[in-house]
Amino acid sequence: MVDEKITGKILRLIRDDMGMTLEEMAAFLGTSKQVLSRYERGERAPKLATAMEFARKLNVSLEVLAGLEDPYKHLAQKSAEDRRLLAVYHQLNPDGRRLLLTTAESYAANPALTEDTSGKAI
C-alpha cells in the first residue's frame, strides 16, 4: 500500500518545480483546488486510476508519484519548462499534438526567435 502522504509530498514537489499555484495545478490535473490540497497534505489519496492520469499529465511514472522511485532524479533530468511543455503536449489529442509541433517548428525556423541577444544561435 502506498502512503498517501508520500504521494501528496511528491505532488507538491512537482507543482513547486513546475512553478504552478495550487489553482493552476488543480485545473491542469482536472481536479478541484480543495481536493488537490487534501492530497498534498496527505489527508486523502487519489484512487489508482486518478493517480495514473496525474502521472500521465505530469509526465512522470506512477512509481515516481507513488514514492517508489526518486522524484529528484526525475526532476533533475529536465528543466521545469521542459516538463511543463511535455505535460501540456501529453494532454493534447493527436490533432492538437500535430498543431503544437507544427507551430513550434515554425517558431524554431525564425532566426529572431532562435538567437539570443548577442546574435548567437541558441
Protein backbone atom coordinates (compact mmCIF):
# COMPACT_ATOMS: atom_id res chain seq x y z
CA MET A 1 0.00 0.00 0.00
CA VAL A 2 1.33 3.42 -0.95
CA ASP A 3 1.40 6.06 1.75
CA GLU A 4 -0.85 8.95 0.70
CA LYS A 5 1.48 11.36 2.48
CA ILE A 6 4.30 10.34 0.11
CA THR A 7 2.10 10.89 -2.95
CA GLY A 8 0.96 14.26 -1.58
CA LYS A 9 4.51 15.41 -0.90
CA ILE A 10 5.56 14.42 -4.41
CA LEU A 11 2.58 16.20 -5.97
CA ARG A 12 3.60 19.33 -4.06
CA LEU A 13 7.24 18.92 -5.09
CA ILE A 14 6.27 18.61 -8.76
CA ARG A 15 3.85 21.55 -8.51
CA ASP A 16 6.53 23.75 -6.96
CA ASP A 17 9.05 22.64 -9.55
CA MET A 18 6.65 23.49 -12.38
CA GLY A 19 6.05 26.91 -10.84
CA MET A 20 2.31 26.41 -10.57
CA THR A 21 -0.10 27.65 -7.96
CA LEU A 22 -2.49 25.23 -6.30
CA GLU A 23 -5.28 26.58 -8.52
CA GLU A 24 -3.22 26.19 -11.71
CA MET A 25 -2.14 22.65 -10.88
CA ALA A 26 -5.68 21.61 -9.94
CA ALA A 27 -7.03 22.93 -13.24
CA PHE A 28 -4.15 21.29 -15.11
CA LEU A 29 -4.87 17.93 -13.46
CA GLY A 30 -8.65 18.27 -13.82
CA THR A 31 -9.48 18.32 -10.14
CA SER A 32 -10.51 20.96 -7.62
CA LYS A 33 -8.17 23.11 -5.56
CA GLN A 34 -9.67 21.62 -2.39
CA VAL A 35 -9.09 18.02 -3.46
CA LEU A 36 -5.52 18.72 -4.58
CA SER A 37 -4.84 20.47 -1.29
CA ARG A 38 -6.08 17.41 0.62
CA TYR A 39 -3.82 15.18 -1.47
CA GLU A 40 -0.81 17.42 -0.82
CA ARG A 41 -1.48 17.46 2.93
CA GLY A 42 -1.77 13.66 2.99
CA GLU A 43 -5.39 13.78 4.17
CA ARG A 44 -6.58 11.91 1.13
CA ALA A 45 -5.02 9.73 -1.57
CA PRO A 46 -6.02 9.59 -5.22
CA LYS A 47 -7.53 6.37 -6.49
CA LEU A 48 -5.26 4.32 -8.73
CA ALA A 49 -6.98 5.46 -11.95
CA THR A 50 -6.69 9.10 -10.84
CA ALA A 51 -3.03 8.68 -9.87
CA MET A 52 -2.33 7.10 -13.26
CA GLU A 53 -3.98 10.05 -15.03
CA PHE A 54 -2.00 12.52 -12.89
CA ALA A 55 1.25 10.70 -13.69
CA ARG A 56 0.44 10.83 -17.42
CA LYS A 57 -0.40 14.53 -17.31
CA LEU A 58 2.69 15.35 -15.25
CA ASN A 59 4.90 13.22 -17.47
CA VAL A 60 6.23 11.13 -14.58
CA SER A 61 5.97 7.43 -13.90
CA LEU A 62 3.39 6.13 -11.47
CA GLU A 63 6.34 4.85 -9.43
CA VAL A 64 7.68 8.39 -9.04
CA LEU A 65 4.26 9.68 -7.99
CA ALA A 66 3.84 6.81 -5.53
CA GLY A 67 7.24 7.45 -3.93
CA LEU A 68 8.75 4.20 -5.19
CA GLU A 69 11.33 5.99 -7.37
CA ASP A 70 13.39 9.05 -6.53
CA PRO A 71 11.44 12.13 -7.70
CA TYR A 72 14.56 14.29 -7.54
CA LYS A 73 16.29 12.10 -10.12
CA HIS A 74 13.35 12.54 -12.47
CA LEU A 75 13.12 16.29 -11.87
CA ALA A 76 16.84 16.75 -12.45
CA GLN A 77 16.59 15.19 -15.91
CA LYS A 78 14.58 18.06 -17.40
CA SER A 79 14.06 21.73 -16.68
CA ALA A 80 10.71 22.82 -15.21
CA GLU A 81 9.85 24.45 -18.55
CA ASP A 82 10.63 21.21 -20.40
CA ARG A 83 8.41 19.21 -18.05
CA ARG A 84 5.60 21.72 -18.30
CA LEU A 85 5.75 21.72 -22.10
CA LEU A 86 5.80 17.92 -22.21
CA ALA A 87 2.90 17.74 -19.77
CA VAL A 88 0.83 20.07 -21.96
CA TYR A 89 1.79 18.09 -25.06
CA HIS A 90 0.60 14.85 -23.43
CA GLN A 91 -2.76 16.41 -22.62
CA LEU A 92 -3.48 17.06 -26.30
CA ASN A 93 -5.18 14.68 -28.69
CA PRO A 94 -3.26 13.66 -31.86
CA ASP A 95 -4.55 16.66 -33.83
CA GLY A 96 -3.53 19.05 -31.06
CA ARG A 97 -0.09 17.44 -30.84
CA ARG A 98 0.46 17.86 -34.59
CA LEU A 99 -0.64 21.50 -34.40
CA LEU A 100 1.67 22.18 -31.44
CA LEU A 101 4.63 20.56 -33.20
CA THR A 102 3.94 22.44 -36.45
CA THR A 103 3.73 25.73 -34.54
CA ALA A 104 6.91 25.01 -32.58
CA GLU A 105 8.77 24.07 -35.75
CA SER A 106 7.71 27.31 -37.45
CA TYR A 107 8.95 29.28 -34.44
CA ALA A 108 12.22 27.35 -34.48
CA ALA A 109 12.72 28.33 -38.13
CA ASN A 110 12.52 32.03 -37.22
CA PRO A 111 16.07 33.39 -36.57
CA ALA A 112 14.67 36.17 -34.40
CA LEU A 113 13.37 33.52 -32.00
CA THR A 114 16.37 31.19 -32.08
CA GLU A 115 19.15 33.67 -31.39
CA ASP A 116 19.98 35.21 -28.06
CA THR A 117 20.58 38.97 -27.70
CA SER A 118 24.25 38.55 -28.60
CA GLY A 119 23.30 37.18 -32.02
CA LYS A 120 24.46 33.64 -31.29
CA ALA A 121 22.18 30.72 -32.11
CA ILE A 122 20.65 29.13 -29.04
